[in-house]
Amino acid sequence: MVWVPLRTTRTDRRAPLRAPTTRCTTMSLEWLMDWSWSLDGLRDFIATGIQSFRDCDATALAAVACLLVLFVWYCYHVGREQPRAYATVNALMQSAEANGVQNGYVYCHSPECVRCTHHDGLNQKLYHNLQEYAKRYSWSGMGRIHKGIREQGRYLNSRPSIQKPEVFFLPDLPTMPYFSRDAQKHDVELLERNFQTILCEFETLYKAFSNCSLPQGWKMNSTPSGEWFTFYLVNQGMCVPRNCRRCPRTYRLLGSLRTCIGNNVFGNACISVLSPGTVIAEHYGPTNIRIRCHLGLKTPSNCELVVGGEPQCWAEGRCLLFDDSFLHTAFHEG
């Protein structure tokens, strides 16, 4: 308790001069009594404060200890779950490879296809690369990606059959089969402005089909019926130099796109041709972190793309954006 000097009353100030000694004695006694009481209160206050500080200190120490225990448990949990997640993903991929199916659908047997072929250490390498990336950027912004990698086994097993990417699923991204052209407005407009340039180079390439069944640079993909040919400029993030030299203007155009994926296993750029009567088996793409863009070059009316159960038709000189992690197929009835 803080001591406050006693105030004299109005009567005290007007008291006769003959009584000052008595009044001073009384004030001194009152002052000493009040001061003694104040010291007792101050002592109690200090003792209570010290005890409270000790209690708070013990509580804070306990809280810090709990946080340390939780952190150690988290590190242990992450370290234990990573190999388990990788093992689950690899087991799923090996099972699909052994059965020749991909989530119930036929898939290709190309040894170069990341989506269809089991690659030893793919997820470990992916996680390592992401950690290196995280050193240069905000770790908090990488949390969702690390979670996605750790829990791939659960995601691959629990995803609805309409959307189930084969290699990597990143949670909390927009989920829709088709995207508006405005989602990639700059690149869409750039491609459509250069439609004639791309078409001209394609027509030069396509003339080679009159000389042999499979011209140099083209690949033939497995399909239930018909024929599906692809001519890659960028295949799984890697440039194909010989093909790029045959389409120089188209390849330079790719370098002008803002969102074209390069130096990444999920990046592709190719010319795709479906012969009449071709049906591409329903399948899933490798990941949901990308948007596919199709620019129609030659599109007969009896061609169709179906993504997530929703059909769309290509149009010459127009871009069509979609998420190929959804179950999708394409056909040319011819």
C-alpha atoms as a PDB file:
ATOM      1  CA  MET A   1       0.000   0.000   0.000  1.00  0.00           C
ATOM      2  CA  VAL A   2       1.347   3.416  -0.935  1.00  0.00           C
ATOM      3  CA  TRP A   3       1.558   5.886   1.906  1.00  0.00           C
ATOM      4  CA  VAL A   4      -0.336   9.184   1.499  1.00  0.00           C
ATOM      5  CA  PRO A   5       0.213  12.118   3.945  1.00  0.00           C
ATOM      6  CA  LEU A   6      -2.805  12.930   6.116  1.00  0.00           C
ATOM      7  CA  ARG A   7      -4.596  16.166   5.328  1.00  0.00           C
ATOM      8  CA  THR A   8      -5.486  18.604   8.098  1.00  0.00           C
ATOM      9  CA  THR A   9      -9.043  19.836   8.364  1.00  0.00           C
ATOM     10  CA  ARG A  10     -10.225  23.394   8.112  1.00  0.00           C
ATOM     11  CA  THR A  11     -10.652  23.451  11.931  1.00  0.00           C
ATOM     12  CA  ASP A  12      -7.028  22.376  12.409  1.00  0.00           C
ATOM     13  CA  ARG A  13      -5.787  25.311  10.453  1.00  0.00           C
ATOM     14  CA  ARG A  14      -7.773  27.718  12.683  1.00  0.00           C
ATOM     15  CA  ALA A  15      -6.820  26.086  16.024  1.00  0.00           C
ATOM     16  CA  PRO A  16      -5.495  28.390  18.807  1.00  0.00           C
ATOM     17  CA  LEU A  17      -1.732  28.796  19.051  1.00  0.00           C
ATOM     18  CA  ARG A  18      -1.784  27.297  22.544  1.00  0.00           C
ATOM     19  CA  ALA A  19      -2.529  23.815  21.263  1.00  0.00           C
ATOM     20  CA  PRO A  20       0.091  23.139  18.618  1.00  0.00           C
ATOM     21  CA  THR A  21       2.075  20.624  20.665  1.00  0.00           C
ATOM     22  CA  THR A  22      -0.926  18.423  21.332  1.00  0.00           C
ATOM     23  CA  ARG A  23      -2.017  18.492  17.691  1.00  0.00           C
ATOM     24  CA  CYS A  24       1.484  17.763  16.397  1.00  0.00           C
ATOM     25  CA  THR A  25       1.771  14.812  18.767  1.00  0.00           C
ATOM     26  CA  THR A  26      -1.538  13.441  17.548  1.00  0.00           C
ATOM     27  CA  MET A  27      -0.543  13.843  13.904  1.00  0.00           C
ATOM     28  CA  SER A  28       2.794  12.162  14.576  1.00  0.00           C
ATOM     29  CA  LEU A  29       1.090   9.175  16.158  1.00  0.00           C
ATOM     30  CA  GLU A  30      -1.392   8.916  13.292  1.00  0.00           C
ATOM     31  CA  TRP A  31       1.440   9.176  10.802  1.00  0.00           C
ATOM     32  CA  LEU A  32       3.492   6.447  12.509  1.00  0.00           C
ATOM     33  CA  MET A  33       0.469   4.139  12.790  1.00  0.00           C
ATOM     34  CA  ASP A  34      -0.421   4.634   9.140  1.00  0.00           C
ATOM     35  CA  TRP A  35       3.178   4.194   8.043  1.00  0.00           C
ATOM     36  CA  SER A  36       3.483   0.975  10.044  1.00  0.00           C
ATOM     37  CA  TRP A  37       0.302  -0.358   8.444  1.00  0.00           C
ATOM     38  CA  SER A  38       1.544   0.691   5.024  1.00  0.00           C
ATOM     39  CA  LEU A  39       4.844  -1.179   5.464  1.00  0.00           C
ATOM     40  CA  ASP A  40       2.991  -4.336   6.458  1.00  0.00           C
ATOM     41  CA  GLY A  41       0.847  -4.046   3.334  1.00  0.00           C
ATOM     42  CA  LEU A  42       3.863  -3.354   1.141  1.00  0.00           C
ATOM     43  CA  ARG A  43       5.654  -6.361   2.570  1.00  0.00           C
ATOM     44  CA  ASP A  44       2.630  -8.560   1.896  1.00  0.00           C
ATOM     45  CA  PHE A  45       2.345  -7.122  -1.592  1.00  0.00           C
ATOM     46  CA  ILE A  46       6.008  -7.864  -2.336  1.00  0.00           C
ATOM     47  CA  ALA A  47       5.723 -11.398  -0.966  1.00  0.00           C
ATOM     48  CA  THR A  48       2.587 -12.031  -3.050  1.00  0.00           C
ATOM     49  CA  GLY A  49       4.297 -10.637  -6.144  1.00  0.00           C
ATOM     50  CA  ILE A  50       7.329 -12.866  -5.652  1.00  0.00           C
ATOM     51  CA  GLN A  51       5.124 -15.931  -5.249  1.00  0.00           C
ATOM     52  CA  SER A  52       3.102 -14.972  -8.333  1.00  0.00           C
ATOM     53  CA  PHE A  53       6.314 -14.501 -10.288  1.00  0.00           C
ATOM     54  CA  ARG A  54       7.491 -17.933  -9.167  1.00  0.00           C
ATOM     55  CA  ASP A  55       4.160 -19.464 -10.186  1.00  0.00           C
ATOM     56  CA  CYS A  56       4.247 -17.692 -13.565  1.00  0.00           C
ATOM     57  CA  ASP A  57       7.852 -18.712 -14.080  1.00  0.00           C
ATOM     58  CA  ALA A  58       6.971 -22.331 -13.376  1.00  0.00           C
ATOM     59  CA  THR A  59       3.995 -22.132 -15.741  1.00  0.00           C
ATOM     60  CA  ALA A  60       6.099 -20.569 -18.485  1.00  0.00           C
ATOM     61  CA  LEU A  61       8.788 -23.205 -17.999  1.00  0.00           C
ATOM     62  CA  ALA A  62       6.180 -25.951 -18.233  1.00  0.00           C
ATOM     63  CA  ALA A  63       4.758 -24.397 -21.414  1.00  0.00           C
ATOM     64  CA  VAL A  64       8.203 -24.222 -23.020  1.00  0.00           C
ATOM     65  CA  ALA A  65       8.872 -27.828 -22.047  1.00  0.00           C
ATOM     66  CA  CYS A  66       5.564 -28.903 -23.622  1.00  0.00           C
ATOM     67  CA  LEU A  67       6.403 -27.041 -26.828  1.00  0.00           C
ATOM     68  CA  LEU A  68       9.797 -28.746 -27.008  1.00  0.00           C
ATOM     69  CA  VAL A  69       8.181 -32.152 -26.508  1.00  0.00           C
ATOM     70  CA  LEU A  70       5.628 -31.404 -29.241  1.00  0.00           C
ATOM     71  CA  PHE A  71       8.371 -30.243 -31.621  1.00  0.00           C
ATOM     72  CA  VAL A  72      10.416 -33.405 -31.031  1.00  0.00           C
ATOM     73  CA  TRP A  73       7.292 -35.512 -31.572  1.00  0.00           C
ATOM     74  CA  TYR A  74       6.499 -33.644 -34.802  1.00  0.00           C
ATOM     75  CA  CYS A  75      10.024 -34.198 -36.155  1.00  0.00           C
ATOM     76  CA  TYR A  76       9.807 -37.872 -35.272  1.00  0.00           C
ATOM     77  CA  HIS A  77       6.359 -38.171 -36.881  1.00  0.00           C
ATOM     78  CA  VAL A  78       7.482 -36.462 -40.095  1.00  0.00           C
ATOM     79  CA  GLY A  79      10.603 -38.593 -40.327  1.00  0.00           C
ATOM     80  CA  ARG A  80       8.600 -41.761 -39.794  1.00  0.00           C
ATOM     81  CA  GLU A  81       5.782 -40.886 -42.203  1.00  0.00           C
ATOM     82  CA  GLN A  82       7.948 -39.842 -45.157  1.00  0.00           C
ATOM     83  CA  PRO A  83       9.308 -43.331 -45.922  1.00  0.00           C
ATOM     84  CA  ARG A  84       5.855 -44.766 -45.314  1.00  0.00           C
ATOM     85  CA  ALA A  85       4.290 -42.321 -47.771  1.00  0.00           C
ATOM     86  CA  TYR A  86       6.937 -43.077 -50.372  1.00  0.00           C
ATOM     87  CA  ALA A  87       6.463 -46.814 -49.879  1.00  0.00           C
ATOM     88  CA  THR A  88       2.705 -46.457 -50.285  1.00  0.00           C
ATOM     89  CA  VAL A  89       3.038 -44.438 -53.484  1.00  0.00           C
ATOM     90  CA  ASN A  90       5.602 -46.829 -54.939  1.00  0.00           C
ATOM     91  CA  ALA A  91       3.485 -49.864 -54.011  1.00  0.00           C
ATOM     92  CA  LEU A  92       0.482 -48.341 -55.759  1.00  0.00           C
ATOM     93  CA  MET A  93       2.503 -47.603 -58.882  1.00  0.00           C
ATOM     94  CA  GLN A  94       4.088 -51.077 -58.903  1.00  0.00           C
ATOM     95  CA  SER A  95       0.682 -52.703 -58.510  1.00  0.00           C
ATOM     96  CA  ALA A  96      -0.697 -50.703 -61.426  1.00  0.00           C
ATOM     97  CA  GLU A  97       2.323 -51.563 -63.553  1.00  0.00           C
ATOM     98  CA  ALA A  98       1.999 -55.266 -62.801  1.00  0.00           C
ATOM     99  CA  ASN A  99      -1.687 -55.296 -63.716  1.00  0.00           C
ATOM    100  CA  GLY A 100      -1.320 -53.101 -66.794  1.00  0.00           C
ATOM    101  CA  VAL A 101      -4.004 -50.728 -65.550  1.00  0.00           C
ATOM    102  CA  GLN A 102      -4.109 -47.234 -64.123  1.00  0.00           C
ATOM    103  CA  ASN A 103      -6.885 -46.824 -61.547  1.00  0.00           C
ATOM    104  CA  GLY A 104      -8.892 -49.353 -63.525  1.00  0.00           C
ATOM    105  CA  TYR A 105      -7.976 -47.977 -66.961  1.00  0.00           C
ATOM    106  CA  VAL A 106      -5.451 -49.232 -69.503  1.00  0.00           C
ATOM    107  CA  TYR A 107      -2.227 -47.228 -69.598  1.00  0.00           C
ATOM    108  CA  CYS A 108       0.774 -47.061 -71.893  1.00  0.00           C
ATOM    109  CA  HIS A 109       3.990 -49.042 -71.419  1.00  0.00           C
ATOM    110  CA  SER A 110       6.475 -46.395 -72.498  1.00  0.00           C
ATOM    111  CA  PRO A 111       9.606 -46.599 -70.298  1.00  0.00           C
ATOM    112  CA  GLU A 112       9.940 -42.813 -70.598  1.00  0.00           C
ATOM    113  CA  CYS A 113       6.455 -41.934 -69.329  1.00  0.00           C
ATOM    114  CA  VAL A 114       6.537 -40.618 -65.757  1.00  0.00           C
ATOM    115  CA  ARG A 115       2.774 -40.923 -65.451  1.00  0.00           C
ATOM    116  CA  CYS A 116       2.607 -44.570 -66.461  1.00  0.00           C
ATOM    117  CA  THR A 117       5.946 -46.037 -65.372  1.00  0.00           C
ATOM    118  CA  HIS A 118       7.319 -46.582 -61.875  1.00  0.00           C
ATOM    119  CA  HIS A 119      10.468 -44.499 -61.337  1.00  0.00           C
ATOM    120  CA  ASP A 120      12.655 -45.442 -58.355  1.00  0.00           C
ATOM    121  CA  GLY A 121      13.297 -42.503 -56.069  1.00  0.00           C
ATOM    122  CA  LEU A 122      10.975 -40.097 -57.910  1.00  0.00           C
ATOM    123  CA  ASN A 123       9.201 -38.913 -54.768  1.00  0.00           C
ATOM    124  CA  GLN A 124      12.401 -38.740 -52.720  1.00  0.00           C
ATOM    125  CA  LYS A 125      13.999 -36.592 -55.408  1.00  0.00           C
ATOM    126  CA  LEU A 126      10.898 -34.414 -55.580  1.00  0.00           C
ATOM    127  CA  TYR A 127      10.920 -33.851 -51.824  1.00  0.00           C
ATOM    128  CA  HIS A 128      14.647 -33.055 -51.828  1.00  0.00           C
ATOM    129  CA  ASN A 129      14.238 -30.514 -54.626  1.00  0.00           C
ATOM    130  CA  LEU A 130      11.361 -28.851 -52.805  1.00  0.00           C
ATOM    131  CA  GLN A 131      13.441 -28.541 -49.652  1.00  0.00           C
ATOM    132  CA  GLU A 132      16.196 -26.864 -51.649  1.00  0.00           C
ATOM    133  CA  TYR A 133      13.567 -24.548 -53.110  1.00  0.00           C
ATOM    134  CA  ALA A 134      12.252 -23.783 -49.615  1.00  0.00           C
ATOM    135  CA  LYS A 135      15.680 -22.529 -48.543  1.00  0.00           C
ATOM    136  CA  ARG A 136      15.328 -19.665 -51.017  1.00  0.00           C
ATOM    137  CA  TYR A 137      11.685 -18.841 -50.331  1.00  0.00           C
ATOM    138  CA  SER A 138       9.246 -18.624 -47.436  1.00  0.00           C
ATOM    139  CA  TRP A 139       9.026 -21.891 -45.518  1.00  0.00           C
ATOM    140  CA  SER A 140       5.467 -21.080 -44.422  1.00  0.00           C
ATOM    141  CA  GLY A 141       4.434 -20.959 -48.052  1.00  0.00           C
ATOM    142  CA  MET A 142       5.893 -24.424 -48.590  1.00  0.00           C
ATOM    143  CA  GLY A 143       3.910 -26.127 -45.845  1.00  0.00           C
ATOM    144  CA  ARG A 144       1.089 -27.214 -48.129  1.00  0.00           C
ATOM    145  CA  ILE A 145       3.526 -28.699 -50.635  1.00  0.00           C
ATOM    146  CA  HIS A 146       5.403 -30.660 -47.969  1.00  0.00           C
ATOM    147  CA  LYS A 147       2.105 -31.914 -46.592  1.00  0.00           C
ATOM    148  CA  GLY A 148       1.085 -33.001 -50.065  1.00  0.00           C
ATOM    149  CA  ILE A 149       4.291 -34.996 -50.486  1.00  0.00           C
ATOM    150  CA  ARG A 150       4.103 -36.623 -47.049  1.00  0.00           C
ATOM    151  CA  GLU A 151       0.505 -37.722 -47.528  1.00  0.00           C
ATOM    152  CA  GLN A 152       0.526 -38.833 -51.178  1.00  0.00           C
ATOM    153  CA  GLY A 153      -0.453 -42.365 -50.222  1.00  0.00           C
ATOM    154  CA  ARG A 154      -3.605 -41.128 -48.500  1.00  0.00           C
ATOM    155  CA  TYR A 155      -4.451 -38.726 -51.320  1.00  0.00           C
ATOM    156  CA  LEU A 156      -4.031 -41.364 -54.031  1.00  0.00           C
ATOM    157  CA  ASN A 157      -6.266 -43.775 -52.135  1.00  0.00           C
ATOM    158  CA  SER A 158      -8.952 -41.342 -50.976  1.00  0.00           C
ATOM    159  CA  ARG A 159      -9.386 -39.096 -54.024  1.00  0.00           C
ATOM    160  CA  PRO A 160     -12.743 -39.442 -55.812  1.00  0.00           C
ATOM    161  CA  SER A 161     -12.510 -41.391 -59.062  1.00  0.00           C
ATOM    162  CA  ILE A 162     -13.336 -38.283 -61.102  1.00  0.00           C
ATOM    163  CA  GLN A 163      -9.968 -36.667 -60.214  1.00  0.00           C
ATOM    164  CA  LYS A 164      -6.991 -38.800 -59.252  1.00  0.00           C
ATOM    165  CA  PRO A 165      -3.584 -37.630 -60.546  1.00  0.00           C
ATOM    166  CA  GLU A 166      -1.060 -40.428 -60.890  1.00  0.00           C
ATOM    167  CA  VAL A 167       2.125 -38.827 -59.564  1.00  0.00           C
ATOM    168  CA  PHE A 168       1.483 -35.806 -57.337  1.00  0.00           C
ATOM    169  CA  PHE A 169      -1.644 -34.225 -55.850  1.00  0.00           C
ATOM    170  CA  LEU A 170      -1.431 -30.788 -54.225  1.00  0.00           C
ATOM    171  CA  PRO A 171      -4.364 -30.077 -51.878  1.00  0.00           C
ATOM    172  CA  ASP A 172      -6.441 -26.886 -51.770  1.00  0.00           C
ATOM    173  CA  LEU A 173      -6.059 -25.916 -55.427  1.00  0.00           C
ATOM    174  CA  PRO A 174      -9.074 -24.845 -57.526  1.00  0.00           C
ATOM    175  CA  THR A 175     -10.890 -27.976 -58.647  1.00  0.00           C
ATOM    176  CA  MET A 176     -12.677 -27.832 -61.997  1.00  0.00           C
ATOM    177  CA  PRO A 177     -12.391 -29.791 -65.262  1.00  0.00           C
ATOM    178  CA  TYR A 178     -12.196 -26.714 -67.512  1.00  0.00           C
ATOM    179  CA  PHE A 179     -10.763 -23.250 -66.901  1.00  0.00           C
ATOM    180  CA  SER A 180     -11.746 -19.889 -68.307  1.00  0.00           C
ATOM    181  CA  ARG A 181      -9.516 -18.420 -70.987  1.00  0.00           C
ATOM    182  CA  ASP A 182      -8.923 -15.498 -68.608  1.00  0.00           C
ATOM    183  CA  ALA A 183      -6.994 -17.845 -66.299  1.00  0.00           C
ATOM    184  CA  GLN A 184      -4.059 -17.576 -68.748  1.00  0.00           C
ATOM    185  CA  LYS A 185      -5.164 -14.567 -70.776  1.00  0.00           C
ATOM    186  CA  HIS A 186      -1.730 -13.388 -71.935  1.00  0.00           C
ATOM    187  CA  ASP A 187      -0.575 -16.783 -73.175  1.00  0.00           C
ATOM    188  CA  VAL A 188      -3.924 -17.666 -74.734  1.00  0.00           C
ATOM    189  CA  GLU A 189      -3.991 -14.452 -76.750  1.00  0.00           C
ATOM    190  CA  LEU A 190      -0.360 -14.889 -77.802  1.00  0.00           C
ATOM    191  CA  LEU A 191      -0.968 -18.414 -79.080  1.00  0.00           C
ATOM    192  CA  GLU A 192      -4.117 -17.455 -80.947  1.00  0.00           C
ATOM    193  CA  ARG A 193      -2.420 -14.474 -82.604  1.00  0.00           C
ATOM    194  CA  ASN A 194       0.267 -16.832 -83.897  1.00  0.00           C
ATOM    195  CA  PHE A 195      -2.135 -19.564 -84.990  1.00  0.00           C
ATOM    196  CA  GLN A 196      -1.214 -19.314 -88.670  1.00  0.00           C
ATOM    197  CA  THR A 197       2.506 -19.571 -87.891  1.00  0.00           C
ATOM    198  CA  ILE A 198       2.014 -22.762 -85.885  1.00  0.00           C
ATOM    199  CA  LEU A 199      -0.385 -24.197 -88.474  1.00  0.00           C
ATOM    200  CA  CYS A 200       2.094 -23.585 -91.295  1.00  0.00           C
ATOM    201  CA  GLU A 201       4.877 -25.474 -89.509  1.00  0.00           C
ATOM    202  CA  PHE A 202       2.492 -28.302 -88.635  1.00  0.00           C
ATOM    203  CA  GLU A 203       1.387 -28.738 -92.251  1.00  0.00           C
ATOM    204  CA  THR A 204       5.020 -29.000 -93.339  1.00  0.00           C
ATOM    205  CA  LEU A 205       5.621 -31.725 -90.749  1.00  0.00           C
ATOM    206  CA  TYR A 206       2.438 -33.603 -91.573  1.00  0.00           C
ATOM    207  CA  LYS A 207       3.374 -33.996 -95.240  1.00  0.00           C
ATOM    208  CA  ALA A 208       5.939 -36.588 -94.174  1.00  0.00           C
ATOM    209  CA  PHE A 209       3.149 -39.028 -93.335  1.00  0.00           C
ATOM    210  CA  SER A 210       2.605 -39.591 -97.059  1.00  0.00           C
ATOM    211  CA  ASN A 211       6.043 -41.204 -97.364  1.00  0.00           C
ATOM    212  CA  CYS A 212       6.145 -43.596 -94.427  1.00  0.00           C
ATOM    213  CA  SER A 213       4.005 -44.858 -91.563  1.00  0.00           C
ATOM    214  CA  LEU A 214       5.906 -43.102 -88.773  1.00  0.00           C
ATOM    215  CA  PRO A 215       8.096 -40.168 -89.824  1.00  0.00           C
ATOM    216  CA  GLN A 216      11.177 -39.205 -87.860  1.00  0.00           C
ATOM    217  CA  GLY A 217      10.423 -37.294 -84.657  1.00  0.00           C
ATOM    218  CA  TRP A 218       6.865 -38.598 -84.306  1.00  0.00           C
ATOM    219  CA  LYS A 219       5.733 -41.084 -81.653  1.00  0.00           C
ATOM    220  CA  MET A 220       2.783 -43.441 -81.773  1.00  0.00           C
ATOM    221  CA  ASN A 221       0.773 -43.874 -78.565  1.00  0.00           C
ATOM    222  CA  SER A 222      -1.238 -46.960 -77.634  1.00  0.00           C
ATOM    223  CA  THR A 223      -5.014 -46.595 -78.047  1.00  0.00           C
ATOM    224  CA  PRO A 224      -7.966 -49.022 -77.957  1.00  0.00           C
ATOM    225  CA  SER A 225      -8.695 -48.115 -81.566  1.00  0.00           C
ATOM    226  CA  GLY A 226      -7.251 -45.939 -84.295  1.00  0.00           C
ATOM    227  CA  GLU A 227      -3.904 -44.127 -84.240  1.00  0.00           C
ATOM    228  CA  TRP A 228      -2.622 -41.306 -82.038  1.00  0.00           C
ATOM    229  CA  PHE A 229       0.619 -39.554 -83.000  1.00  0.00           C
ATOM    230  CA  THR A 230       2.613 -36.934 -81.075  1.00  0.00           C
ATOM    231  CA  PHE A 231       5.511 -34.696 -82.085  1.00  0.00           C
ATOM    232  CA  TYR A 232       7.237 -33.332 -78.965  1.00  0.00           C
ATOM    233  CA  LEU A 233       9.086 -30.040 -78.750  1.00  0.00           C
ATOM    234  CA  VAL A 234       9.316 -30.328 -74.944  1.00  0.00           C
ATOM    235  CA  ASN A 235       8.893 -33.757 -73.377  1.00  0.00           C
ATOM    236  CA  GLN A 236       8.612 -33.946 -69.586  1.00  0.00           C
ATOM    237  CA  GLY A 237      10.526 -30.709 -69.171  1.00  0.00           C
ATOM    238  CA  MET A 238      13.285 -31.610 -71.636  1.00  0.00           C
ATOM    239  CA  CYS A 239      13.695 -29.881 -74.988  1.00  0.00           C
ATOM    240  CA  VAL A 240      13.845 -32.182 -78.027  1.00  0.00           C
ATOM    241  CA  PRO A 241      16.469 -30.319 -80.132  1.00  0.00           C
ATOM    242  CA  ARG A 242      15.951 -32.149 -83.427  1.00  0.00           C
ATOM    243  CA  ASN A 243      12.198 -31.524 -83.352  1.00  0.00           C
ATOM    244  CA  CYS A 244      12.596 -27.907 -82.249  1.00  0.00           C
ATOM    245  CA  ARG A 245      14.857 -27.212 -85.230  1.00  0.00           C
ATOM    246  CA  ARG A 246      12.041 -28.345 -87.511  1.00  0.00           C
ATOM    247  CA  CYS A 247       9.577 -25.936 -85.861  1.00  0.00           C
ATOM    248  CA  PRO A 248      11.790 -22.932 -85.043  1.00  0.00           C
ATOM    249  CA  ARG A 249       9.083 -20.279 -84.944  1.00  0.00           C
ATOM    250  CA  THR A 250       6.772 -22.377 -82.790  1.00  0.00           C
ATOM    251  CA  TYR A 251       9.632 -23.173 -80.420  1.00  0.00           C
ATOM    252  CA  ARG A 252      10.569 -19.491 -80.095  1.00  0.00           C
ATOM    253  CA  LEU A 253       6.934 -18.757 -79.374  1.00  0.00           C
ATOM    254  CA  LEU A 254       7.027 -21.155 -76.421  1.00  0.00           C
ATOM    255  CA  GLY A 255       9.811 -19.045 -74.928  1.00  0.00           C
ATOM    256  CA  SER A 256       7.511 -16.008 -75.019  1.00  0.00           C
ATOM    257  CA  LEU A 257       4.801 -17.670 -72.928  1.00  0.00           C
ATOM    258  CA  ARG A 258       4.667 -16.569 -69.301  1.00  0.00           C
ATOM    259  CA  THR A 259       3.386 -19.818 -67.826  1.00  0.00           C
ATOM    260  CA  CYS A 260       4.852 -22.537 -70.021  1.00  0.00           C
ATOM    261  CA  ILE A 261       6.428 -25.178 -67.758  1.00  0.00           C
ATOM    262  CA  GLY A 262      10.106 -25.764 -68.496  1.00  0.00           C
ATOM    263  CA  ASN A 263      12.824 -27.794 -66.746  1.00  0.00           C
ATOM    264  CA  ASN A 264      10.087 -29.677 -64.931  1.00  0.00           C
ATOM    265  CA  VAL A 265       8.943 -33.255 -65.379  1.00  0.00           C
ATOM    266  CA  PHE A 266       5.332 -32.051 -65.666  1.00  0.00           C
ATOM    267  CA  GLY A 267       6.046 -29.750 -68.622  1.00  0.00           C
ATOM    268  CA  ASN A 268       5.148 -30.775 -72.180  1.00  0.00           C
ATOM    269  CA  ALA A 269       4.652 -29.078 -75.540  1.00  0.00           C
ATOM    270  CA  CYS A 270       3.713 -31.150 -78.560  1.00  0.00           C
ATOM    271  CA  ILE A 271       1.634 -31.485 -81.706  1.00  0.00           C
ATOM    272  CA  SER A 272      -1.006 -34.193 -81.313  1.00  0.00           C
ATOM    273  CA  VAL A 273      -2.790 -35.935 -84.189  1.00  0.00           C
ATOM    274  CA  LEU A 274      -5.768 -38.315 -83.961  1.00  0.00           C
ATOM    275  CA  SER A 275      -6.545 -40.279 -87.094  1.00  0.00           C
ATOM    276  CA  PRO A 276     -10.213 -41.003 -87.955  1.00  0.00           C
ATOM    277  CA  GLY A 277     -11.704 -43.720 -85.761  1.00  0.00           C
ATOM    278  CA  THR A 278      -9.310 -43.106 -82.864  1.00  0.00           C
ATOM    279  CA  VAL A 279     -10.433 -43.313 -79.245  1.00  0.00           C
ATOM    280  CA  ILE A 280      -8.013 -42.458 -76.413  1.00  0.00           C
ATOM    281  CA  ALA A 281      -8.710 -44.586 -73.342  1.00  0.00           C
ATOM    282  CA  GLU A 282      -9.918 -42.754 -70.246  1.00  0.00           C
ATOM    283  CA  HIS A 283      -6.960 -41.857 -68.052  1.00  0.00           C
ATOM    284  CA  TYR A 284      -5.607 -39.338 -65.538  1.00  0.00           C
ATOM    285  CA  GLY A 285      -2.736 -36.903 -65.916  1.00  0.00           C
ATOM    286  CA  PRO A 286       0.228 -36.960 -63.524  1.00  0.00           C
ATOM    287  CA  THR A 287      -0.648 -33.916 -61.380  1.00  0.00           C
ATOM    288  CA  ASN A 288      -3.195 -31.207 -60.596  1.00  0.00           C
ATOM    289  CA  ILE A 289      -0.629 -28.390 -60.351  1.00  0.00           C
ATOM    290  CA  ARG A 290      -0.762 -27.572 -64.050  1.00  0.00           C
ATOM    291  CA  ILE A 291      -3.355 -26.458 -66.611  1.00  0.00           C
ATOM    292  CA  ARG A 292      -3.303 -28.045 -70.056  1.00  0.00           C
ATOM    293  CA  CYS A 293      -3.812 -25.820 -73.093  1.00  0.00           C
ATOM    294  CA  HIS A 294      -4.965 -27.200 -76.462  1.00  0.00           C
ATOM    295  CA  LEU A 295      -4.825 -24.952 -79.528  1.00  0.00           C
ATOM    296  CA  GLY A 296      -6.986 -26.368 -82.312  1.00  0.00           C
ATOM    297  CA  LEU A 297      -5.134 -26.626 -85.661  1.00  0.00           C
ATOM    298  CA  LYS A 298      -7.341 -28.918 -87.771  1.00  0.00           C
ATOM    299  CA  THR A 299     -10.566 -29.805 -85.968  1.00  0.00           C
ATOM    300  CA  PRO A 300     -13.319 -31.719 -87.792  1.00  0.00           C
ATOM    301  CA  SER A 301     -16.775 -31.463 -86.266  1.00  0.00           C
ATOM    302  CA  ASN A 302     -16.795 -35.090 -85.114  1.00  0.00           C
ATOM    303  CA  CYS A 303     -13.895 -34.669 -82.654  1.00  0.00           C
ATOM    304  CA  GLU A 304     -14.453 -34.251 -78.921  1.00  0.00           C
ATOM    305  CA  LEU A 305     -12.627 -33.952 -75.608  1.00  0.00           C
ATOM    306  CA  VAL A 306     -14.351 -35.178 -72.433  1.00  0.00           C
ATOM    307  CA  VAL A 307     -12.917 -34.082 -69.053  1.00  0.00           C
ATOM    308  CA  GLY A 308     -14.578 -35.054 -65.795  1.00  0.00           C
ATOM    309  CA  GLY A 309     -17.616 -36.214 -67.736  1.00  0.00           C
ATOM    310  CA  GLU A 310     -18.048 -32.831 -69.459  1.00  0.00           C
ATOM    311  CA  PRO A 311     -17.660 -32.832 -73.273  1.00  0.00           C
ATOM    312  CA  GLN A 312     -16.075 -29.954 -75.180  1.00  0.00           C
ATOM    313  CA  CYS A 313     -15.227 -29.500 -78.844  1.00  0.00           C
ATOM    314  CA  TRP A 314     -12.023 -27.956 -80.141  1.00  0.00           C
ATOM    315  CA  ALA A 315     -12.176 -24.972 -82.474  1.00  0.00           C
ATOM    316  CA  GLU A 316      -9.532 -24.011 -85.012  1.00  0.00           C
ATOM    317  CA  GLY A 317      -7.402 -21.137 -83.795  1.00  0.00           C
ATOM    318  CA  ARG A 318      -8.921 -21.231 -80.295  1.00  0.00           C
ATOM    319  CA  CYS A 319      -7.407 -22.399 -77.003  1.00  0.00           C
ATOM    320  CA  LEU A 320      -9.113 -24.820 -74.647  1.00  0.00           C
ATOM    321  CA  LEU A 321      -7.874 -24.975 -71.018  1.00  0.00           C
ATOM    322  CA  PHE A 322      -8.460 -27.988 -68.786  1.00  0.00           C
ATOM    323  CA  ASP A 323      -7.107 -29.923 -65.801  1.00  0.00           C
ATOM    324  CA  ASP A 324      -5.990 -33.339 -67.000  1.00  0.00           C
ATOM    325  CA  SER A 325      -5.779 -34.739 -63.457  1.00  0.00           C
ATOM    326  CA  PHE A 326      -9.510 -35.325 -64.003  1.00  0.00           C
ATOM    327  CA  LEU A 327     -10.514 -38.510 -65.768  1.00  0.00           C
ATOM    328  CA  HIS A 328     -10.493 -37.608 -69.458  1.00  0.00           C
ATOM    329  CA  THR A 329     -10.677 -39.042 -72.936  1.00  0.00           C
ATOM    330  CA  ALA A 330     -10.689 -37.839 -76.538  1.00  0.00           C
ATOM    331  CA  PHE A 331     -11.912 -39.282 -79.799  1.00  0.00           C
ATOM    332  CA  HIS A 332     -12.148 -38.640 -83.526  1.00  0.00           C
ATOM    333  CA  GLU A 333     -15.138 -40.492 -84.921  1.00  0.00           C
ATOM    334  CA  GLY A 334     -14.045 -39.839 -88.504  1.00  0.00           C
END
